[in-house]
Amino acid sequence: MIADEDLHRHAVENLNQADALLFGRVGLIDEYEFVVQPRLVRHGPTLFAGLAKYVDLKLMGRLEFGSGAVALRYEPRR
């Protein structure tokens, strides 16, 4: 699959704006962004498999890319 330049640029912009990055640790999360690629797979890891309880989210923004990928930005409902 050919990388989408707009999607790559978006990821770099997000990293440049981040106050902190969280990799595999427990912490407060102010915002989630999920990038959905238009491709189905038969198996793989389950996202948030170890989540102890539901987290209700509010959609704050959406961005579509030429490749068909969609970035969805959410904040936890308070």
Protein backbone atom coordinates (compact mmCIF):
# COMPACT_ATOMS: atom_id res chain seq x y z
CA MET A 1 0.00 0.00 0.00
CA ILE A 2 1.39 3.40 -0.98
CA ALA A 3 1.69 5.87 1.91
CA ASP A 4 -0.67 8.84 1.74
CA GLU A 5 1.41 12.03 1.97
CA ASP A 6 -1.46 13.99 3.56
CA LEU A 7 -1.90 11.33 6.24
CA HIS A 8 1.83 11.35 6.96
CA ARG A 9 1.87 15.17 7.16
CA HIS A 10 -1.12 15.04 9.55
CA ALA A 11 0.69 12.56 11.82
CA VAL A 12 3.83 14.73 11.90
CA GLU A 13 1.74 17.83 12.76
CA ASN A 14 0.07 15.92 15.61
CA LEU A 15 3.43 14.84 17.01
CA ASN A 16 4.76 18.41 16.82
CA GLN A 17 1.72 19.72 18.74
CA ALA A 18 1.73 17.02 21.43
CA ASP A 19 2.52 18.01 24.99
CA ALA A 20 3.28 14.36 25.80
CA LEU A 21 3.14 10.95 24.22
CA LEU A 22 1.80 7.92 26.06
CA PHE A 23 3.06 4.49 25.08
CA GLY A 24 1.76 1.56 27.13
CA ARG A 25 1.43 3.37 30.43
CA VAL A 26 -1.56 4.40 32.53
CA GLY A 27 -2.34 8.13 32.51
CA LEU A 28 -4.89 10.86 31.86
CA ILE A 29 -5.82 11.20 28.21
CA ASP A 30 -7.34 14.48 27.02
CA GLU A 31 -7.89 13.47 23.43
CA TYR A 32 -7.97 10.36 21.25
CA GLU A 33 -7.40 10.20 17.53
CA PHE A 34 -8.20 7.09 15.57
CA VAL A 35 -7.12 6.78 11.95
CA VAL A 36 -9.29 4.28 10.13
CA GLN A 37 -7.83 2.74 6.98
CA PRO A 38 -10.25 1.32 4.38
CA ARG A 39 -8.94 -2.23 4.67
CA LEU A 40 -10.26 -5.28 6.51
CA VAL A 41 -8.00 -7.89 8.07
CA ARG A 42 -8.85 -11.39 9.24
CA HIS A 43 -7.02 -11.27 12.54
CA GLY A 44 -4.94 -9.05 14.75
CA PRO A 45 -4.83 -7.42 18.15
CA THR A 46 -7.98 -6.00 19.70
CA LEU A 47 -7.75 -2.29 20.39
CA PHE A 48 -8.15 -1.53 24.12
CA ALA A 49 -8.58 -5.23 25.02
CA GLY A 50 -7.49 -4.54 28.60
CA LEU A 51 -9.79 -1.56 29.19
CA ALA A 52 -11.40 -1.97 32.62
CA LYS A 53 -14.52 0.11 31.87
CA TYR A 54 -16.23 1.95 29.03
CA VAL A 55 -15.06 5.44 28.13
CA ASP A 56 -17.76 7.58 26.54
CA LEU A 57 -16.31 9.80 23.84
CA LYS A 58 -17.53 12.92 22.05
CA LEU A 59 -16.57 13.41 18.39
CA MET A 60 -14.63 16.68 18.06
CA GLY A 61 -13.44 16.49 14.48
CA ARG A 62 -12.99 14.40 11.39
CA LEU A 63 -10.55 14.62 8.52
CA GLU A 64 -10.72 12.58 5.30
CA PHE A 65 -7.64 11.77 3.23
CA GLY A 66 -7.27 11.02 -0.46
CA SER A 67 -6.41 7.39 0.28
CA GLY A 68 -9.84 6.88 1.87
CA ALA A 69 -8.42 6.95 5.42
CA VAL A 70 -10.38 8.98 7.97
CA ALA A 71 -8.92 10.56 11.13
CA LEU A 72 -11.52 10.84 13.92
CA ARG A 73 -10.70 13.03 16.93
CA TYR A 74 -12.52 12.46 20.21
CA GLU A 75 -12.51 13.85 23.75
CA PRO A 76 -13.77 11.93 26.78
CA ARG A 77 -17.24 13.04 27.88
CA ARG A 78 -17.04 14.69 31.26
